[in-house]
PDB file of N, CA and C in Angstrom:
ATOM      1  N   MET A   1      -9.965 -12.010 -20.243  1.00  0.00           N
ATOM      2  CA  MET A   1     -10.138 -10.620 -20.631  1.00  0.00           C
ATOM      3  C   MET A   1      -9.293  -9.729 -19.704  1.00  0.00           C
ATOM      4  N   LEU A   2      -8.592  -8.803 -20.274  1.00  0.00           N
ATOM      5  CA  LEU A   2      -7.768  -7.891 -19.491  1.00  0.00           C
ATOM      6  C   LEU A   2      -8.608  -6.752 -18.925  1.00  0.00           C
ATOM      7  N   ILE A   3      -8.330  -6.405 -17.686  1.00  0.00           N
ATOM      8  CA  ILE A   3      -9.007  -5.282 -17.055  1.00  0.00           C
ATOM      9  C   ILE A   3      -8.173  -4.035 -17.314  1.00  0.00           C
ATOM     10  N   PRO A   4      -8.780  -2.961 -17.791  1.00  0.00           N
ATOM     11  CA  PRO A   4      -8.003  -1.747 -18.067  1.00  0.00           C
ATOM     12  C   PRO A   4      -7.296  -1.240 -16.810  1.00  0.00           C
ATOM     13  N   HIS A   5      -6.089  -0.739 -17.006  1.00  0.00           N
ATOM     14  CA  HIS A   5      -5.283  -0.186 -15.910  1.00  0.00           C
ATOM     15  C   HIS A   5      -5.946   1.098 -15.414  1.00  0.00           C
ATOM     16  N   ASP A   6      -6.136   1.195 -14.108  1.00  0.00           N
ATOM     17  CA  ASP A   6      -6.752   2.380 -13.518  1.00  0.00           C
ATOM     18  C   ASP A   6      -5.785   2.999 -12.520  1.00  0.00           C
ATOM     19  N   PHE A   7      -4.950   3.903 -12.978  1.00  0.00           N
ATOM     20  CA  PHE A   7      -3.939   4.530 -12.146  1.00  0.00           C
ATOM     21  C   PHE A   7      -4.537   5.183 -10.904  1.00  0.00           C
ATOM     22  N   TYR A   8      -5.705   5.766 -11.027  1.00  0.00           N
ATOM     23  CA  TYR A   8      -6.283   6.535  -9.928  1.00  0.00           C
ATOM     24  C   TYR A   8      -6.771   5.674  -8.767  1.00  0.00           C
ATOM     25  N   SER A   9      -6.952   4.391  -8.982  1.00  0.00           N
ATOM     26  CA  SER A   9      -7.410   3.534  -7.881  1.00  0.00           C
ATOM     27  C   SER A   9      -6.273   2.706  -7.266  1.00  0.00           C
ATOM     28  N   GLU A  10      -5.064   2.794  -7.830  1.00  0.00           N
ATOM     29  CA  GLU A  10      -3.929   2.052  -7.273  1.00  0.00           C
ATOM     30  C   GLU A  10      -3.522   2.622  -5.931  1.00  0.00           C
ATOM     31  N   LYS A  11      -3.105   1.727  -5.022  1.00  0.00           N
ATOM     32  CA  LYS A  11      -2.682   2.158  -3.690  1.00  0.00           C
ATOM     33  C   LYS A  11      -1.472   1.355  -3.252  1.00  0.00           C
ATOM     34  N   LYS A  12      -0.661   1.967  -2.403  1.00  0.00           N
ATOM     35  CA  LYS A  12       0.483   1.297  -1.786  1.00  0.00           C
ATOM     36  C   LYS A  12       0.438   1.593  -0.293  1.00  0.00           C
ATOM     37  N   TRP A  13       1.221   0.838   0.476  1.00  0.00           N
ATOM     38  CA  TRP A  13       1.232   0.949   1.931  1.00  0.00           C
ATOM     39  C   TRP A  13       2.108   2.118   2.380  1.00  0.00           C
ATOM     40  N   CYS A  14       1.541   2.987   3.199  1.00  0.00           N
ATOM     41  CA  CYS A  14       2.292   4.075   3.813  1.00  0.00           C
ATOM     42  C   CYS A  14       2.464   3.740   5.292  1.00  0.00           C
ATOM     43  N   PRO A  15       3.701   3.484   5.740  1.00  0.00           N
ATOM     44  CA  PRO A  15       3.906   3.153   7.149  1.00  0.00           C
ATOM     45  C   PRO A  15       3.590   4.317   8.092  1.00  0.00           C
ATOM     46  N   LYS A  16       3.712   5.534   7.619  1.00  0.00           N
ATOM     47  CA  LYS A  16       3.420   6.684   8.466  1.00  0.00           C
ATOM     48  C   LYS A  16       1.904   6.834   8.663  1.00  0.00           C
ATOM     49  N   CYS A  17       1.139   6.721   7.580  1.00  0.00           N
ATOM     50  CA  CYS A  17      -0.331   6.812   7.665  1.00  0.00           C
ATOM     51  C   CYS A  17      -0.948   5.506   8.165  1.00  0.00           C
ATOM     52  N   ARG A  18      -0.171   4.409   8.086  1.00  0.00           N
ATOM     53  CA  ARG A  18      -0.617   3.069   8.475  1.00  0.00           C
ATOM     54  C   ARG A  18      -1.875   2.654   7.715  1.00  0.00           C
ATOM     55  N   ASN A  19      -1.801   2.860   6.378  1.00  0.00           N
ATOM     56  CA  ASN A  19      -2.943   2.556   5.524  1.00  0.00           C
ATOM     57  C   ASN A  19      -2.459   2.446   4.078  1.00  0.00           C
ATOM     58  N   TYR A  20      -3.282   1.814   3.237  1.00  0.00           N
ATOM     59  CA  TYR A  20      -3.020   1.817   1.801  1.00  0.00           C
ATOM     60  C   TYR A  20      -3.544   3.133   1.252  1.00  0.00           C
ATOM     61  N   VAL A  21      -2.676   3.845   0.531  1.00  0.00           N
ATOM     62  CA  VAL A  21      -2.968   5.213   0.112  1.00  0.00           C
ATOM     63  C   VAL A  21      -2.639   5.420  -1.364  1.00  0.00           C
ATOM     64  N   PRO A  22      -3.219   6.459  -1.975  1.00  0.00           N
ATOM     65  CA  PRO A  22      -2.760   6.846  -3.309  1.00  0.00           C
ATOM     66  C   PRO A  22      -1.312   7.322  -3.198  1.00  0.00           C
ATOM     67  N   TYR A  23      -0.550   7.197  -4.275  1.00  0.00           N
ATOM     68  CA  TYR A  23       0.862   7.530  -4.193  1.00  0.00           C
ATOM     69  C   TYR A  23       1.340   8.268  -5.439  1.00  0.00           C
ATOM     70  N   LEU A  24       2.464   8.935  -5.280  1.00  0.00           N
ATOM     71  CA  LEU A  24       3.124   9.645  -6.367  1.00  0.00           C
ATOM     72  C   LEU A  24       4.397   8.891  -6.717  1.00  0.00           C
ATOM     73  N   VAL A  25       4.725   8.843  -7.997  1.00  0.00           N
ATOM     74  CA  VAL A  25       5.879   8.079  -8.458  1.00  0.00           C
ATOM     75  C   VAL A  25       6.992   9.032  -8.884  1.00  0.00           C
ATOM     76  N   SER A  26       8.211   8.753  -8.414  1.00  0.00           N
ATOM     77  CA  SER A  26       9.389   9.455  -8.908  1.00  0.00           C
ATOM     78  C   SER A  26      10.290   8.411  -9.558  1.00  0.00           C
ATOM     79  N   LEU A  27      11.434   8.821 -10.022  1.00  0.00           N
ATOM     80  CA  LEU A  27      12.325   7.864 -10.683  1.00  0.00           C
ATOM     81  C   LEU A  27      12.885   6.814  -9.737  1.00  0.00           C
ATOM     82  N   GLU A  28      13.059   7.161  -8.465  1.00  0.00           N
ATOM     83  CA  GLU A  28      13.680   6.235  -7.529  1.00  0.00           C
ATOM     84  C   GLU A  28      12.746   5.635  -6.499  1.00  0.00           C
ATOM     85  N   LYS A  29      11.699   6.338  -6.120  1.00  0.00           N
ATOM     86  CA  LYS A  29      10.790   5.860  -5.074  1.00  0.00           C
ATOM     87  C   LYS A  29       9.369   6.310  -5.371  1.00  0.00           C
ATOM     88  N   CYS A  30       8.446   5.737  -4.606  1.00  0.00           N
ATOM     89  CA  CYS A  30       7.058   6.187  -4.619  1.00  0.00           C
ATOM     90  C   CYS A  30       6.769   6.833  -3.262  1.00  0.00           C
ATOM     91  N   TYR A  31       5.951   7.861  -3.272  1.00  0.00           N
ATOM     92  CA  TYR A  31       5.667   8.608  -2.046  1.00  0.00           C
ATOM     93  C   TYR A  31       4.164   8.723  -1.818  1.00  0.00           C
ATOM     94  N   CYS A  32       3.778   8.751  -0.557  1.00  0.00           N
ATOM     95  CA  CYS A  32       2.387   8.908  -0.167  1.00  0.00           C
ATOM     96  C   CYS A  32       1.875  10.261  -0.661  1.00  0.00           C
ATOM     97  N   ALA A  33       0.722  10.252  -1.313  1.00  0.00           N
ATOM     98  CA  ALA A  33       0.136  11.497  -1.806  1.00  0.00           C
ATOM     99  C   ALA A  33      -0.452  12.319  -0.663  1.00  0.00           C
ATOM    100  N   ARG A  34      -0.628  11.700   0.493  1.00  0.00           N
ATOM    101  CA  ARG A  34      -1.210  12.418   1.638  1.00  0.00           C
ATOM    102  C   ARG A  34      -0.155  13.069   2.519  1.00  0.00           C
ATOM    103  N   CYS A  35       0.918  12.332   2.859  1.00  0.00           N
ATOM    104  CA  CYS A  35       1.898  12.868   3.812  1.00  0.00           C
ATOM    105  C   CYS A  35       3.300  13.029   3.234  1.00  0.00           C
ATOM    106  N   GLY A  36       3.582  12.433   2.074  1.00  0.00           N
ATOM    107  CA  GLY A  36       4.892  12.558   1.449  1.00  0.00           C
ATOM    108  C   GLY A  36       5.913  11.514   1.859  1.00  0.00           C
ATOM    109  N   HIS A  37       5.559  10.620   2.767  1.00  0.00           N
ATOM    110  CA  HIS A  37       6.468   9.567   3.234  1.00  0.00           C
ATOM    111  C   HIS A  37       6.623   8.501   2.148  1.00  0.00           C
ATOM    112  N   PRO A  38       7.819   7.874   2.018  1.00  0.00           N
ATOM    113  CA  PRO A  38       7.974   6.776   1.051  1.00  0.00           C
ATOM    114  C   PRO A  38       7.011   5.624   1.361  1.00  0.00           C
ATOM    115  N   VAL A  39       6.469   5.018   0.315  1.00  0.00           N
ATOM    116  CA  VAL A  39       5.509   3.921   0.465  1.00  0.00           C
ATOM    117  C   VAL A  39       6.127   2.619  -0.030  1.00  0.00           C
ATOM    118  N   THR A  40       5.516   1.501   0.362  1.00  0.00           N
ATOM    119  CA  THR A  40       5.924   0.177  -0.101  1.00  0.00           C
ATOM    120  C   THR A  40       4.712  -0.519  -0.711  1.00  0.00           C
ATOM    121  N   LEU A  41       4.972  -1.603  -1.422  1.00  0.00           N
ATOM    122  CA  LEU A  41       3.887  -2.326  -2.068  1.00  0.00           C
ATOM    123  C   LEU A  41       2.931  -2.937  -1.049  1.00  0.00           C
ATOM    124  N   PHE A  42       3.504  -3.551   0.008  1.00  0.00           N
ATOM    125  CA  PHE A  42       2.700  -4.229   1.023  1.00  0.00           C
ATOM    126  C   PHE A  42       3.045  -3.734   2.418  1.00  0.00           C
ATOM    127  N   SER A  43       2.115  -3.916   3.344  1.00  0.00           N
ATOM    128  CA  SER A  43       2.431  -3.769   4.761  1.00  0.00           C
ATOM    129  C   SER A  43       3.235  -5.005   5.161  1.00  0.00           C
ATOM    130  N   GLU A  44       3.914  -4.967   6.294  1.00  0.00           N
ATOM    131  CA  GLU A  44       4.692  -6.130   6.741  1.00  0.00           C
ATOM    132  C   GLU A  44       3.792  -7.352   6.922  1.00  0.00           C
ATOM    133  N   GLU A  45       2.621  -7.158   7.486  1.00  0.00           N
ATOM    134  CA  GLU A  45       1.681  -8.264   7.712  1.00  0.00           C
ATOM    135  C   GLU A  45       1.232  -8.877   6.381  1.00  0.00           C
ATOM    136  N   ASP A  46       0.884  -8.026   5.417  1.00  0.00           N
ATOM    137  CA  ASP A  46       0.443  -8.529   4.112  1.00  0.00           C
ATOM    138  C   ASP A  46       1.586  -9.186   3.353  1.00  0.00           C
ATOM    139  N   LYS A  47       2.807  -8.685   3.540  1.00  0.00           N
ATOM    140  CA  LYS A  47       3.974  -9.288   2.882  1.00  0.00           C
ATOM    141  C   LYS A  47       4.185 -10.706   3.400  1.00  0.00           C
ATOM    142  N   LYS A  48       4.034 -10.902   4.706  1.00  0.00           N
ATOM    143  CA  LYS A  48       4.180 -12.244   5.287  1.00  0.00           C
ATOM    144  C   LYS A  48       3.113 -13.187   4.738  1.00  0.00           C
ATOM    145  N   LYS A  49       1.864 -12.709   4.658  1.00  0.00           N
ATOM    146  CA  LYS A  49       0.777 -13.527   4.115  1.00  0.00           C
ATOM    147  C   LYS A  49       1.049 -13.898   2.660  1.00  0.00           C
ATOM    148  N   PHE A  50       1.538 -12.936   1.885  1.00  0.00           N
ATOM    149  CA  PHE A  50       1.834 -13.163   0.477  1.00  0.00           C
ATOM    150  C   PHE A  50       2.931 -14.216   0.318  1.00  0.00           C
ATOM    151  N   LYS A  51       3.998 -14.093   1.110  1.00  0.00           N
ATOM    152  CA  LYS A  51       5.090 -15.061   1.045  1.00  0.00           C
ATOM    153  C   LYS A  51       4.635 -16.460   1.439  1.00  0.00           C
ATOM    154  N   LYS A  52       3.768 -16.553   2.466  1.00  0.00           N
ATOM    155  CA  LYS A  52       3.233 -17.858   2.882  1.00  0.00           C
ATOM    156  C   LYS A  52       2.413 -18.486   1.768  1.00  0.00           C
ATOM    157  N   ALA A  53       1.586 -17.677   1.121  1.00  0.00           N
ATOM    158  CA  ALA A  53       0.752 -18.183   0.023  1.00  0.00           C
ATOM    159  C   ALA A  53       1.618 -18.667  -1.132  1.00  0.00           C
ATOM    160  N   LEU A  54       2.692 -17.937  -1.446  1.00  0.00           N
ATOM    161  CA  LEU A  54       3.602 -18.365  -2.510  1.00  0.00           C
ATOM    162  C   LEU A  54       4.288 -19.677  -2.153  1.00  0.00           C
ATOM    163  N   GLU A  55       4.745 -19.780  -0.932  1.00  0.00           N
ATOM    164  CA  GLU A  55       5.414 -21.007  -0.493  1.00  0.00           C
ATOM    165  C   GLU A  55       4.458 -22.192  -0.539  1.00  0.00           C
ATOM    166  N   LYS A  56       3.233 -21.980  -0.126  1.00  0.00           N
ATOM    167  CA  LYS A  56       2.230 -23.049  -0.163  1.00  0.00           C
ATOM    168  C   LYS A  56       1.991 -23.496  -1.598  1.00  0.00           C
ATOM    169  N   LYS A  57       1.893 -22.535  -2.513  1.00  0.00           N
ATOM    170  CA  LYS A  57       1.669 -22.861  -3.926  1.00  0.00           C
ATOM    171  C   LYS A  57       2.862 -23.622  -4.494  1.00  0.00           C
ATOM    172  N   ARG A  58       4.078 -23.213  -4.139  1.00  0.00           N
ATOM    173  CA  ARG A  58       5.273 -23.919  -4.596  1.00  0.00           C
ATOM    174  C   ARG A  58       5.299 -25.354  -4.097  1.00  0.00           C
ATOM    175  N   THR A  59       4.911 -25.547  -2.829  1.00  0.00           N
ATOM    176  CA  THR A  59       4.882 -26.883  -2.251  1.00  0.00           C
ATOM    177  C   THR A  59       3.883 -27.765  -2.986  1.00  0.00           C
ATOM    178  N   ILE A  60       2.730 -27.214  -3.290  1.00  0.00           N
ATOM    179  CA  ILE A  60       1.696 -27.972  -4.008  1.00  0.00           C
ATOM    180  C   ILE A  60       2.181 -28.317  -5.408  1.00  0.00           C
ATOM    181  N   ASN A  61       2.816 -27.366  -6.092  1.00  0.00           N
ATOM    182  CA  ASN A  61       3.306 -27.604  -7.455  1.00  0.00           C
ATOM    183  C   ASN A  61       4.430 -28.634  -7.473  1.00  0.00           C
ATOM    184  N   ARG A  62       5.261 -28.649  -6.442  1.00  0.00           N
ATOM    185  CA  ARG A  62       6.354 -29.646  -6.374  1.00  0.00           C
ATOM    186  C   ARG A  62       5.790 -31.050  -6.187  1.00  0.00           C
ATOM    187  N   ALA A  63       4.701 -31.148  -5.446  1.00  0.00           N
ATOM    188  CA  ALA A  63       4.088 -32.451  -5.170  1.00  0.00           C
ATOM    189  C   ALA A  63       3.388 -33.023  -6.406  1.00  0.00           C
ATOM    190  N   SER A  64       3.021 -32.164  -7.336  1.00  0.00           N
ATOM    191  CA  SER A  64       2.294 -32.617  -8.540  1.00  0.00           C
ATOM    192  C   SER A  64       3.188 -33.317  -9.529  1.00  0.00           C
TER     193      SER A  64
END
């Protein structure tokens, strides 16, 4: 079952606020709704964890 998209609860990482925050979307970038700084999908720490999890899954799938 698909979960309905909830724009108001989506958050991205703001390096200036050092937190996941609501954001505003423009054609080229997304910006923090609190301070206006450009945001990213993940913090650096979460990006590393995500990449490790993907690599682990790839390794498991290759072994199968």
